[in-house]
Amino acid sequence: MRIGTLFNRFGSREGLIDAVIPDVAARRLQDLSTAVMTGRTPRERLEVFVRGMIDLQQDDPALNDAILRRYPDAAALLGVRDRSTALGQRLVREAHADGSLSLDSTEDDLFSLRWLAGTASREESALRAGCGSSAVDSNLRGPSEGAHRVISWRVRA
């Protein structure tokens, strides 16, 4: 298919993204939500969510782009991102409420971790440049390992 045909059909890159990606991303996030609910405690559910999001971000560039808001005019894709963000925020609040997560670890920290994981999965050079300062060292073998180390560091805090 030619670029002109795609543009005429969808109007823009964001239109094409909204037509194709949200259903796939929503299914993957629904699967993650189901996995999250298998955790016995709020802390376990939060850890399943965070690790699952990192894996999704690394494995699914389109979902990662939604989380990073790379295409802010792709409204349907942003809706998927907003639902996953709401779930993460709820999990942080639940872990705070039962005392299993330090109050120093906030919903904003979760956003930052997702951003860091997403950036690292898109740009291997982000790890080499020391993204995340002391949380990520420059000797990491790859984005997934680095992102998981950051999560382990922050979730234990």
C-alpha atoms as a PDB file:
ATOM      1  CA  MET A   1       0.000   0.000   0.000  1.00  0.00           C
ATOM      2  CA  ARG A   2       1.286   3.459  -0.834  1.00  0.00           C
ATOM      3  CA  ILE A   3       1.752   6.296   1.635  1.00  0.00           C
ATOM      4  CA  GLY A   4      -0.766   8.455  -0.232  1.00  0.00           C
ATOM      5  CA  THR A   5      -3.395   5.724   0.018  1.00  0.00           C
ATOM      6  CA  LEU A   6      -2.839   5.437   3.767  1.00  0.00           C
ATOM      7  CA  PHE A   7      -3.017   9.197   4.215  1.00  0.00           C
ATOM      8  CA  ASN A   8      -6.253   9.424   2.204  1.00  0.00           C
ATOM      9  CA  ARG A   9      -7.785   6.578   4.178  1.00  0.00           C
ATOM     10  CA  PHE A  10      -6.721   7.626   7.689  1.00  0.00           C
ATOM     11  CA  GLY A  11      -5.829  11.315   7.324  1.00  0.00           C
ATOM     12  CA  SER A  12      -2.647  11.185   9.404  1.00  0.00           C
ATOM     13  CA  ARG A  13      -0.192   8.928  11.169  1.00  0.00           C
ATOM     14  CA  GLU A  14      -2.242   9.353  14.330  1.00  0.00           C
ATOM     15  CA  GLY A  15      -5.397   8.322  12.441  1.00  0.00           C
ATOM     16  CA  LEU A  16      -3.701   5.145  11.281  1.00  0.00           C
ATOM     17  CA  ILE A  17      -2.442   4.444  14.808  1.00  0.00           C
ATOM     18  CA  ASP A  18      -5.927   4.984  16.250  1.00  0.00           C
ATOM     19  CA  ALA A  19      -7.411   2.619  13.667  1.00  0.00           C
ATOM     20  CA  VAL A  20      -4.972  -0.236  14.241  1.00  0.00           C
ATOM     21  CA  ILE A  21      -3.150  -0.168  17.566  1.00  0.00           C
ATOM     22  CA  PRO A  22      -5.687   0.477  20.382  1.00  0.00           C
ATOM     23  CA  ASP A  23      -7.469  -2.884  20.134  1.00  0.00           C
ATOM     24  CA  VAL A  24      -4.210  -4.819  20.224  1.00  0.00           C
ATOM     25  CA  ALA A  25      -2.825  -2.698  23.053  1.00  0.00           C
ATOM     26  CA  ALA A  26      -6.085  -2.949  25.004  1.00  0.00           C
ATOM     27  CA  ARG A  27      -6.028  -6.757  24.783  1.00  0.00           C
ATOM     28  CA  ARG A  28      -2.444  -6.900  25.999  1.00  0.00           C
ATOM     29  CA  LEU A  29      -3.223  -4.565  28.877  1.00  0.00           C
ATOM     30  CA  GLN A  30      -6.339  -6.573  29.736  1.00  0.00           C
ATOM     31  CA  ASP A  31      -4.175  -9.698  29.922  1.00  0.00           C
ATOM     32  CA  LEU A  32      -1.809  -7.831  32.231  1.00  0.00           C
ATOM     33  CA  SER A  33      -4.729  -6.649  34.386  1.00  0.00           C
ATOM     34  CA  THR A  34      -5.880 -10.244  34.724  1.00  0.00           C
ATOM     35  CA  ALA A  35      -2.368 -11.323  35.739  1.00  0.00           C
ATOM     36  CA  VAL A  36      -2.169  -8.454  38.236  1.00  0.00           C
ATOM     37  CA  MET A  37      -5.285  -9.651  40.005  1.00  0.00           C
ATOM     38  CA  THR A  38      -3.638 -13.015  40.747  1.00  0.00           C
ATOM     39  CA  GLY A  39      -1.369 -11.301  43.282  1.00  0.00           C
ATOM     40  CA  ARG A  40      -2.362 -12.121  46.851  1.00  0.00           C
ATOM     41  CA  THR A  41      -1.387  -8.764  48.306  1.00  0.00           C
ATOM     42  CA  PRO A  42      -1.430  -5.184  47.067  1.00  0.00           C
ATOM     43  CA  ARG A  43       2.374  -5.259  46.956  1.00  0.00           C
ATOM     44  CA  GLU A  44       2.420  -8.406  44.808  1.00  0.00           C
ATOM     45  CA  ARG A  45      -0.178  -6.922  42.455  1.00  0.00           C
ATOM     46  CA  LEU A  46       1.894  -3.743  42.102  1.00  0.00           C
ATOM     47  CA  GLU A  47       5.043  -5.730  41.378  1.00  0.00           C
ATOM     48  CA  VAL A  48       3.254  -7.865  38.755  1.00  0.00           C
ATOM     49  CA  PHE A  49       1.932  -4.682  37.146  1.00  0.00           C
ATOM     50  CA  VAL A  50       5.266  -2.882  37.055  1.00  0.00           C
ATOM     51  CA  ARG A  51       7.225  -5.853  35.743  1.00  0.00           C
ATOM     52  CA  GLY A  52       4.473  -6.663  33.245  1.00  0.00           C
ATOM     53  CA  MET A  53       4.407  -3.086  31.963  1.00  0.00           C
ATOM     54  CA  ILE A  54       8.166  -3.132  31.464  1.00  0.00           C
ATOM     55  CA  ASP A  55       7.882  -6.350  29.490  1.00  0.00           C
ATOM     56  CA  LEU A  56       5.028  -4.942  27.388  1.00  0.00           C
ATOM     57  CA  GLN A  57       6.931  -1.743  26.724  1.00  0.00           C
ATOM     58  CA  GLN A  58       9.962  -3.673  25.576  1.00  0.00           C
ATOM     59  CA  ASP A  59       7.997  -6.199  23.505  1.00  0.00           C
ATOM     60  CA  ASP A  60       5.417  -3.858  21.953  1.00  0.00           C
ATOM     61  CA  PRO A  61       6.806  -0.627  20.466  1.00  0.00           C
ATOM     62  CA  ALA A  62       3.311   0.715  19.688  1.00  0.00           C
ATOM     63  CA  LEU A  63       2.163   0.264  23.268  1.00  0.00           C
ATOM     64  CA  ASN A  64       5.416   1.794  24.441  1.00  0.00           C
ATOM     65  CA  ASP A  65       4.778   4.795  22.187  1.00  0.00           C
ATOM     66  CA  ALA A  66       1.338   5.190  23.768  1.00  0.00           C
ATOM     67  CA  ILE A  67       2.785   5.124  27.270  1.00  0.00           C
ATOM     68  CA  LEU A  68       5.461   7.638  26.306  1.00  0.00           C
ATOM     69  CA  ARG A  69       2.835   9.838  24.570  1.00  0.00           C
ATOM     70  CA  ARG A  70       4.911   9.830  21.414  1.00  0.00           C
ATOM     71  CA  TYR A  71       1.805  10.532  19.316  1.00  0.00           C
ATOM     72  CA  PRO A  72      -0.280  12.883  21.479  1.00  0.00           C
ATOM     73  CA  ASP A  73      -2.959  13.332  18.798  1.00  0.00           C
ATOM     74  CA  ALA A  74      -3.745   9.599  18.666  1.00  0.00           C
ATOM     75  CA  ALA A  75      -6.727   9.902  21.006  1.00  0.00           C
ATOM     76  CA  ALA A  76      -7.769   6.241  21.121  1.00  0.00           C
ATOM     77  CA  LEU A  77      -4.235   5.154  21.913  1.00  0.00           C
ATOM     78  CA  LEU A  78      -4.056   7.704  24.709  1.00  0.00           C
ATOM     79  CA  GLY A  79      -7.238   6.211  26.151  1.00  0.00           C
ATOM     80  CA  VAL A  80      -5.472   2.867  26.444  1.00  0.00           C
ATOM     81  CA  ARG A  81      -2.533   4.574  28.151  1.00  0.00           C
ATOM     82  CA  ASP A  82      -4.827   6.424  30.526  1.00  0.00           C
ATOM     83  CA  ARG A  83      -6.511   3.176  31.613  1.00  0.00           C
ATOM     84  CA  SER A  84      -3.171   1.524  32.343  1.00  0.00           C
ATOM     85  CA  THR A  85      -2.024   4.614  34.247  1.00  0.00           C
ATOM     86  CA  ALA A  86      -5.202   4.564  36.351  1.00  0.00           C
ATOM     87  CA  LEU A  87      -4.631   0.907  37.216  1.00  0.00           C
ATOM     88  CA  GLY A  88      -1.046   1.607  38.277  1.00  0.00           C
ATOM     89  CA  GLN A  89      -2.126   4.562  40.409  1.00  0.00           C
ATOM     90  CA  ARG A  90      -4.784   2.444  42.106  1.00  0.00           C
ATOM     91  CA  LEU A  91      -2.231  -0.271  42.844  1.00  0.00           C
ATOM     92  CA  VAL A  92       0.156   2.257  44.403  1.00  0.00           C
ATOM     93  CA  ARG A  93      -2.660   3.605  46.618  1.00  0.00           C
ATOM     94  CA  GLU A  94      -3.629   0.071  47.687  1.00  0.00           C
ATOM     95  CA  ALA A  95      -0.013  -0.784  48.562  1.00  0.00           C
ATOM     96  CA  HIS A  96       0.234   2.452  50.545  1.00  0.00           C
ATOM     97  CA  ALA A  97      -3.004   1.658  52.371  1.00  0.00           C
ATOM     98  CA  ASP A  98      -1.807  -1.750  53.578  1.00  0.00           C
ATOM     99  CA  GLY A  99       1.655  -0.413  54.444  1.00  0.00           C
ATOM    100  CA  SER A 100       3.551  -2.616  51.983  1.00  0.00           C
ATOM    101  CA  LEU A 101       4.865   0.330  49.947  1.00  0.00           C
ATOM    102  CA  SER A 102       6.680   3.251  51.480  1.00  0.00           C
ATOM    103  CA  LEU A 103       4.803   6.532  51.261  1.00  0.00           C
ATOM    104  CA  ASP A 104       8.016   7.893  49.728  1.00  0.00           C
ATOM    105  CA  SER A 105       7.214   5.810  46.625  1.00  0.00           C
ATOM    106  CA  THR A 106       4.507   7.753  44.838  1.00  0.00           C
ATOM    107  CA  GLU A 107       2.262   7.528  41.800  1.00  0.00           C
ATOM    108  CA  ASP A 108       4.645   9.996  40.163  1.00  0.00           C
ATOM    109  CA  ASP A 109       7.496   7.566  40.775  1.00  0.00           C
ATOM    110  CA  LEU A 110       5.514   4.883  38.975  1.00  0.00           C
ATOM    111  CA  PHE A 111       5.080   7.237  36.015  1.00  0.00           C
ATOM    112  CA  SER A 112       8.818   7.973  36.066  1.00  0.00           C
ATOM    113  CA  LEU A 113       9.681   4.274  36.156  1.00  0.00           C
ATOM    114  CA  ARG A 114       7.399   3.574  33.207  1.00  0.00           C
ATOM    115  CA  TRP A 115       8.938   6.479  31.314  1.00  0.00           C
ATOM    116  CA  LEU A 116      12.455   5.281  32.113  1.00  0.00           C
ATOM    117  CA  ALA A 117      11.645   1.719  31.068  1.00  0.00           C
ATOM    118  CA  GLY A 118      10.011   2.947  27.874  1.00  0.00           C
ATOM    119  CA  THR A 119      12.860   5.230  26.985  1.00  0.00           C
ATOM    120  CA  ALA A 120      15.423   2.531  27.709  1.00  0.00           C
ATOM    121  CA  SER A 121      13.532   0.044  25.566  1.00  0.00           C
ATOM    122  CA  ARG A 122      13.471   2.508  22.649  1.00  0.00           C
ATOM    123  CA  GLU A 123      16.982   3.828  23.037  1.00  0.00           C
ATOM    124  CA  GLU A 124      19.704   1.464  24.153  1.00  0.00           C
ATOM    125  CA  SER A 125      21.954   4.507  24.398  1.00  0.00           C
ATOM    126  CA  ALA A 126      19.791   5.740  27.289  1.00  0.00           C
ATOM    127  CA  LEU A 127      21.246   3.003  29.447  1.00  0.00           C
ATOM    128  CA  ARG A 128      24.807   3.728  28.372  1.00  0.00           C
ATOM    129  CA  ALA A 129      24.290   7.419  29.180  1.00  0.00           C
ATOM    130  CA  GLY A 130      23.352   6.591  32.774  1.00  0.00           C
ATOM    131  CA  CYS A 131      19.604   7.168  32.523  1.00  0.00           C
ATOM    132  CA  GLY A 132      18.311   6.843  36.064  1.00  0.00           C
ATOM    133  CA  SER A 133      21.629   7.905  37.642  1.00  0.00           C
ATOM    134  CA  SER A 134      22.601   5.519  40.429  1.00  0.00           C
ATOM    135  CA  ALA A 135      19.630   3.241  39.813  1.00  0.00           C
ATOM    136  CA  VAL A 136      20.967   2.056  36.464  1.00  0.00           C
ATOM    137  CA  ASP A 137      24.666   1.382  36.062  1.00  0.00           C
ATOM    138  CA  SER A 138      26.466   1.587  32.757  1.00  0.00           C
ATOM    139  CA  ASN A 139      27.419  -2.106  32.754  1.00  0.00           C
ATOM    140  CA  LEU A 140      23.946  -3.457  32.078  1.00  0.00           C
ATOM    141  CA  ARG A 141      23.586  -5.958  29.286  1.00  0.00           C
ATOM    142  CA  GLY A 142      20.263  -4.752  27.895  1.00  0.00           C
ATOM    143  CA  PRO A 143      17.139  -2.626  28.367  1.00  0.00           C
ATOM    144  CA  SER A 144      15.018  -5.288  30.037  1.00  0.00           C
ATOM    145  CA  GLU A 145      17.619  -6.119  32.649  1.00  0.00           C
ATOM    146  CA  GLY A 146      18.227  -2.441  33.316  1.00  0.00           C
ATOM    147  CA  ALA A 147      14.550  -1.635  33.616  1.00  0.00           C
ATOM    148  CA  HIS A 148      13.969  -4.557  35.959  1.00  0.00           C
ATOM    149  CA  ARG A 149      16.868  -3.435  38.160  1.00  0.00           C
ATOM    150  CA  VAL A 150      15.377   0.056  38.378  1.00  0.00           C
ATOM    151  CA  ILE A 151      12.029  -1.395  39.379  1.00  0.00           C
ATOM    152  CA  SER A 152      13.582  -3.667  41.982  1.00  0.00           C
ATOM    153  CA  TRP A 153      15.509  -0.727  43.390  1.00  0.00           C
ATOM    154  CA  ARG A 154      12.476   1.552  43.613  1.00  0.00           C
ATOM    155  CA  VAL A 155       9.790  -0.948  44.644  1.00  0.00           C
ATOM    156  CA  ARG A 156      11.936  -2.096  47.574  1.00  0.00           C
ATOM    157  CA  ALA A 157      12.337   1.493  48.784  1.00  0.00           C
END
